[in-house]
Amino acid sequence: MTKKHARPIKTERDYHGAVSVAEKIRKQHQREQDEEHRLQQLIHAMEKFDDQGDEEDSGDDTDDIVDLPRRRWSDEGGDGDQ
């Protein structure tokens, strides 16, 4: 891809047009930097979450079952003869 050269600025209108284009390019570049920074933060948060999940999963799953409420025979609903 070849780079296009900017045309010469000869009038005030050309100057204002060039300023407008330069501002758009600067804002786009800043936006890309901000998006990259947000993406890096998101990846860091995901890795931190994964690490926490690995630590929590290392425990014994039977411990979680003991803490659950037990079902009673009356919770099943019966035959429907009410």
C-alpha atoms as a PDB file:
ATOM      1  CA  MET A   1       0.000   0.000   0.000  1.00  0.00           C
ATOM      2  CA  THR A   2       1.462   3.322  -1.018  1.00  0.00           C
ATOM      3  CA  LYS A   3       1.212   6.374   1.172  1.00  0.00           C
ATOM      4  CA  LYS A   4      -0.553   9.345  -0.283  1.00  0.00           C
ATOM      5  CA  HIS A   5       1.152  12.662   0.105  1.00  0.00           C
ATOM      6  CA  ALA A   6      -0.784  15.548   1.560  1.00  0.00           C
ATOM      7  CA  ARG A   7      -1.624  18.204  -0.930  1.00  0.00           C
ATOM      8  CA  PRO A   8      -0.108  21.626  -0.339  1.00  0.00           C
ATOM      9  CA  ILE A   9      -1.999  24.108   1.828  1.00  0.00           C
ATOM     10  CA  LYS A  10      -2.549  27.262  -0.192  1.00  0.00           C
ATOM     11  CA  THR A  11      -5.718  28.780   1.244  1.00  0.00           C
ATOM     12  CA  GLU A  12      -7.300  29.275   4.631  1.00  0.00           C
ATOM     13  CA  ARG A  13      -9.940  26.734   3.644  1.00  0.00           C
ATOM     14  CA  ASP A  14      -7.188  24.154   2.972  1.00  0.00           C
ATOM     15  CA  TYR A  15      -5.661  24.986   6.351  1.00  0.00           C
ATOM     16  CA  HIS A  16      -8.951  24.450   8.240  1.00  0.00           C
ATOM     17  CA  GLY A  17      -9.516  21.210   6.364  1.00  0.00           C
ATOM     18  CA  ALA A  18      -6.035  19.999   7.303  1.00  0.00           C
ATOM     19  CA  VAL A  19      -6.611  20.925  10.948  1.00  0.00           C
ATOM     20  CA  SER A  20      -9.879  18.975  10.912  1.00  0.00           C
ATOM     21  CA  VAL A  21      -8.210  15.886   9.447  1.00  0.00           C
ATOM     22  CA  ALA A  22      -5.319  16.144  11.903  1.00  0.00           C
ATOM     23  CA  GLU A  23      -7.766  16.322  14.838  1.00  0.00           C
ATOM     24  CA  LYS A  24      -9.657  13.269  13.567  1.00  0.00           C
ATOM     25  CA  ILE A  25      -6.433  11.291  13.233  1.00  0.00           C
ATOM     26  CA  ARG A  26      -5.265  12.359  16.697  1.00  0.00           C
ATOM     27  CA  LYS A  27      -8.595  11.432  18.280  1.00  0.00           C
ATOM     28  CA  GLN A  28      -8.633   8.087  16.468  1.00  0.00           C
ATOM     29  CA  HIS A  29      -5.107   7.334  17.680  1.00  0.00           C
ATOM     30  CA  GLN A  30      -6.044   8.286  21.259  1.00  0.00           C
ATOM     31  CA  ARG A  31      -9.180   6.125  21.027  1.00  0.00           C
ATOM     32  CA  GLU A  32      -7.102   3.164  19.866  1.00  0.00           C
ATOM     33  CA  GLN A  33      -4.742   3.647  22.818  1.00  0.00           C
ATOM     34  CA  ASP A  34      -7.690   3.828  25.228  1.00  0.00           C
ATOM     35  CA  GLU A  35      -9.254   0.706  23.714  1.00  0.00           C
ATOM     36  CA  GLU A  36      -5.928  -1.137  23.980  1.00  0.00           C
ATOM     37  CA  HIS A  37      -5.626  -0.096  27.628  1.00  0.00           C
ATOM     38  CA  ARG A  38      -9.196  -1.281  28.359  1.00  0.00           C
ATOM     39  CA  LEU A  39      -8.494  -4.569  26.606  1.00  0.00           C
ATOM     40  CA  GLN A  40      -5.356  -5.107  28.690  1.00  0.00           C
ATOM     41  CA  GLN A  41      -7.325  -4.398  31.880  1.00  0.00           C
ATOM     42  CA  LEU A  42     -10.047  -6.835  30.788  1.00  0.00           C
ATOM     43  CA  ILE A  43      -7.513  -9.572  30.092  1.00  0.00           C
ATOM     44  CA  HIS A  44      -5.877  -8.938  33.476  1.00  0.00           C
ATOM     45  CA  ALA A  45      -9.269  -9.153  35.229  1.00  0.00           C
ATOM     46  CA  MET A  46     -10.077 -12.393  33.371  1.00  0.00           C
ATOM     47  CA  GLU A  47      -6.751 -13.942  34.394  1.00  0.00           C
ATOM     48  CA  LYS A  48      -7.299 -12.857  37.999  1.00  0.00           C
ATOM     49  CA  PHE A  49     -10.780 -14.414  37.951  1.00  0.00           C
ATOM     50  CA  ASP A  50      -9.406 -17.646  36.468  1.00  0.00           C
ATOM     51  CA  ASP A  51      -6.741 -17.812  39.180  1.00  0.00           C
ATOM     52  CA  GLN A  52      -9.346 -17.312  41.909  1.00  0.00           C
ATOM     53  CA  GLY A  53     -11.546 -19.982  40.368  1.00  0.00           C
ATOM     54  CA  ASP A  54      -8.659 -22.445  40.328  1.00  0.00           C
ATOM     55  CA  GLU A  55      -7.976 -21.816  44.010  1.00  0.00           C
ATOM     56  CA  GLU A  56     -11.627 -22.304  44.981  1.00  0.00           C
ATOM     57  CA  ASP A  57     -11.983 -25.461  42.884  1.00  0.00           C
ATOM     58  CA  SER A  58      -9.010 -27.091  44.587  1.00  0.00           C
ATOM     59  CA  GLY A  59     -11.166 -27.916  47.649  1.00  0.00           C
ATOM     60  CA  ASP A  60     -13.149 -31.089  48.136  1.00  0.00           C
ATOM     61  CA  ASP A  61     -16.592 -30.996  46.477  1.00  0.00           C
ATOM     62  CA  THR A  62     -18.162 -33.099  49.246  1.00  0.00           C
ATOM     63  CA  ASP A  63     -17.768 -30.171  51.649  1.00  0.00           C
ATOM     64  CA  ASP A  64     -20.270 -28.205  49.551  1.00  0.00           C
ATOM     65  CA  ILE A  65     -22.854 -31.008  49.722  1.00  0.00           C
ATOM     66  CA  VAL A  66     -22.842 -31.068  53.530  1.00  0.00           C
ATOM     67  CA  ASP A  67     -23.791 -27.379  53.646  1.00  0.00           C
ATOM     68  CA  LEU A  68     -26.857 -27.811  51.424  1.00  0.00           C
ATOM     69  CA  PRO A  69     -30.272 -28.219  53.055  1.00  0.00           C
ATOM     70  CA  ARG A  70     -31.533 -31.783  53.021  1.00  0.00           C
ATOM     71  CA  ARG A  71     -34.797 -32.708  51.325  1.00  0.00           C
ATOM     72  CA  ARG A  72     -37.632 -34.165  53.307  1.00  0.00           C
ATOM     73  CA  TRP A  73     -40.013 -36.823  52.078  1.00  0.00           C
ATOM     74  CA  SER A  74     -42.814 -34.221  52.222  1.00  0.00           C
ATOM     75  CA  ASP A  75     -40.973 -32.005  49.702  1.00  0.00           C
ATOM     76  CA  GLU A  76     -41.617 -34.413  46.848  1.00  0.00           C
ATOM     77  CA  GLY A  77     -45.242 -33.466  46.411  1.00  0.00           C
ATOM     78  CA  GLY A  78     -46.876 -36.861  46.886  1.00  0.00           C
ATOM     79  CA  ASP A  79     -49.326 -38.556  44.506  1.00  0.00           C
ATOM     80  CA  GLY A  80     -51.369 -35.470  43.809  1.00  0.00           C
ATOM     81  CA  ASP A  81     -54.367 -36.759  45.832  1.00  0.00           C
ATOM     82  CA  GLN A  82     -54.674 -33.581  47.838  1.00  0.00           C
END
